Each structure stands twice: as C-alpha cells, then as structure tokens.
Protein backbone atom coordinates (compact mmCIF):
# COMPACT_ATOMS: atom_id res chain seq x y z
CA MET A 1 0.03 0.03 0.05
CA THR A 2 1.28 3.40 -0.92
CA THR A 3 1.71 6.07 1.73
CA PRO A 4 -1.05 8.73 1.10
CA SER A 5 0.26 12.35 0.35
CA LYS A 6 -0.07 15.25 2.68
CA HIS A 7 -2.27 17.96 1.55
CA PRO A 8 -2.61 21.65 2.91
CA VAL A 9 -5.52 22.36 5.18
CA PRO A 10 -7.54 24.97 3.15
CA ASP A 11 -9.50 26.25 6.16
CA LYS A 12 -9.37 24.92 9.69
CA ALA A 13 -10.17 21.85 11.78
CA GLU A 14 -10.98 21.97 15.50
CA PHE A 15 -10.97 19.04 17.91
CA ALA A 16 -11.79 18.39 21.62
CA ILE A 17 -11.19 15.21 23.53
CA ASP A 18 -12.69 14.92 27.00
CA LEU A 19 -11.12 12.05 28.91
CA PRO A 20 -11.95 11.12 32.49
CA ASP A 21 -8.81 12.93 33.73
CA LYS A 22 -7.81 15.28 31.04
CA PHE A 23 -9.47 17.55 28.43
CA HIS A 24 -7.56 18.35 25.12
CA MET A 25 -8.77 21.06 22.76
CA GLY A 26 -6.86 22.42 19.69
CA SER A 27 -7.17 23.32 15.96
CA PHE A 28 -5.25 22.81 12.75
CA GLY A 29 -5.11 25.82 10.65
CA LYS A 30 -3.78 26.72 7.20
CA GLU A 31 -0.24 26.04 8.07
CA ALA A 32 -1.26 22.37 8.81
CA LYS A 33 -1.46 19.38 6.42
CA PHE A 34 -3.96 16.50 6.26
CA VAL A 35 -4.13 12.90 4.90
CA ALA A 36 -7.38 11.12 4.15
CA ALA A 37 -7.25 7.57 2.84
CA ALA A 38 -9.35 4.40 2.66
CA GLU A 39 -8.29 1.81 5.08
CA ASN A 40 -9.94 -1.76 4.64
CA ASP A 41 -13.27 -0.96 6.41
CA GLY A 42 -13.43 2.76 6.63
CA ILE A 43 -11.61 6.08 6.32
CA MET A 44 -8.50 7.33 8.17
CA ILE A 45 -8.07 11.17 8.61
CA LYS A 46 -4.83 12.48 10.04
CA LEU A 47 -3.84 16.13 10.75
CA PHE A 48 -0.39 17.45 11.12
CA ALA A 49 0.83 20.56 12.54
CA ALA A 50 4.46 21.56 12.32
CA GLY A 51 6.51 24.32 14.08
CA SER A 52 6.46 25.29 17.74
CA LYS A 53 3.13 23.68 18.17
CA LYS A 54 3.91 20.34 16.56
CA ARG A 55 1.07 17.83 16.90
CA GLU A 56 -0.89 15.17 15.18
CA ALA A 57 -4.42 13.84 15.40
CA GLN A 58 -5.88 10.85 13.78
CA ILE A 59 -9.26 9.19 13.48
CA HIS A 60 -10.54 5.97 11.71
CA LEU A 61 -14.24 5.88 11.04
CA HIS A 62 -15.79 2.57 9.71
CA HIS A 63 -18.05 2.89 6.81
CA GLU A 64 -21.28 2.41 8.67
CA LEU A 65 -20.49 5.05 11.18
CA LEU A 66 -19.13 7.43 8.54
CA ALA A 67 -22.64 6.95 6.51
CA ASP A 68 -24.50 7.72 9.74
CA ILE A 69 -22.50 10.80 10.48
CA LEU A 70 -23.09 11.98 6.89
CA MET A 71 -26.91 11.33 7.18
CA GLU A 72 -26.96 13.26 10.58
CA TRP A 73 -24.91 16.14 9.12
CA ALA A 74 -27.35 16.27 6.10
CA SER A 75 -30.32 16.46 8.48
CA SER A 76 -28.70 19.19 10.48
CA LEU A 77 -27.88 21.21 7.41
CA LYS A 78 -31.61 21.74 6.66
CA LYS A 79 -31.70 23.71 9.97
CA GLU A 80 -28.71 25.84 9.27
CA PRO A 81 -28.50 29.10 7.24
CA LYS A 82 -27.42 28.46 3.63
CA MET A 83 -23.82 27.96 3.19
CA SER A 84 -21.72 29.96 0.87
CA GLU A 85 -21.76 29.01 -2.88
CA ILE A 86 -17.92 28.22 -2.81
CA HIS A 87 -18.47 25.75 0.15
CA GLN A 88 -21.51 24.32 -1.68
CA GLU A 89 -19.49 23.73 -4.87
CA ASN A 90 -16.43 22.20 -3.04
CA LEU A 91 -18.61 19.81 -1.13
CA LEU A 92 -20.80 18.72 -4.05
CA GLU A 93 -17.67 18.17 -6.23
CA ALA A 94 -16.02 16.04 -3.42
CA LEU A 95 -19.34 14.03 -2.89
CA ARG A 96 -19.34 13.27 -6.68
CA HIS A 97 -15.88 12.05 -6.48
CA VAL A 98 -16.80 9.91 -3.49
CA GLU A 99 -19.93 8.54 -5.31
CA MET A 100 -17.89 7.55 -8.48
CA ALA A 101 -15.08 5.95 -6.30
CA ILE A 102 -17.63 3.71 -4.60
CA VAL A 103 -19.39 2.66 -7.68
CA GLY A 104 -16.08 2.22 -9.49
CA LYS A 105 -16.21 4.91 -12.01
CA LYS A 106 -13.36 7.25 -12.98
CA TRP A 107 -13.60 11.05 -12.85
CA LYS A 108 -11.80 13.71 -14.84
C-alpha cells in the first residue's frame, strides 16, 4: 500500500477530546497538512501541524459510522443558514468523487 500524500488544510479543523482525567482542545489551521485515505473497512483522517506547536491527530471511522455521520450532518444542514456558494461547490464536487469511487467509475 502506498503512503497517502499530505495536503494543505484549506480552512481549519478543530478538535476536543474529553477524557476522565484530561481535556484536550486544539485546532489545525492553514499552516497544517492532512491525509485522508481508505483503510480496509473505513476512512483514516490524519492532521499534522509543524513548528513550535507540533502535533498530530488521527481518527479512523468505519464505513457504517461514516454513513450515519453524513446522514445526521445532512439532516442538520436543513436547519442551518444556507452555506456559501464556494463551500457548496467544493462539497458537491467532493461528494461526486466519493460516489464515483464507491461505484467504481473514473472522474476527470
């Protein structure tokens, strides 16, 4: 398996982890990089930040959980103000690529 390439974070990702004895919170901004790749039964997403605040965050979501998350997100979007056109275009293009990859078609 080839190592997925790192891509720049075009916007921002924020995270919070609440453990019984610790709370971690942070963000990855435009100086950070990300990797997203299929892994057997799901998706792996990894964020990297360099410099004085060097850190990494990784999550693996199984296909069924990812599908449920996307469905819940879709339901919640109905209740939110309309997103900007550029965000709409970017997300719709990405979703078209996901659909084609799932059904085994090639895109341009």
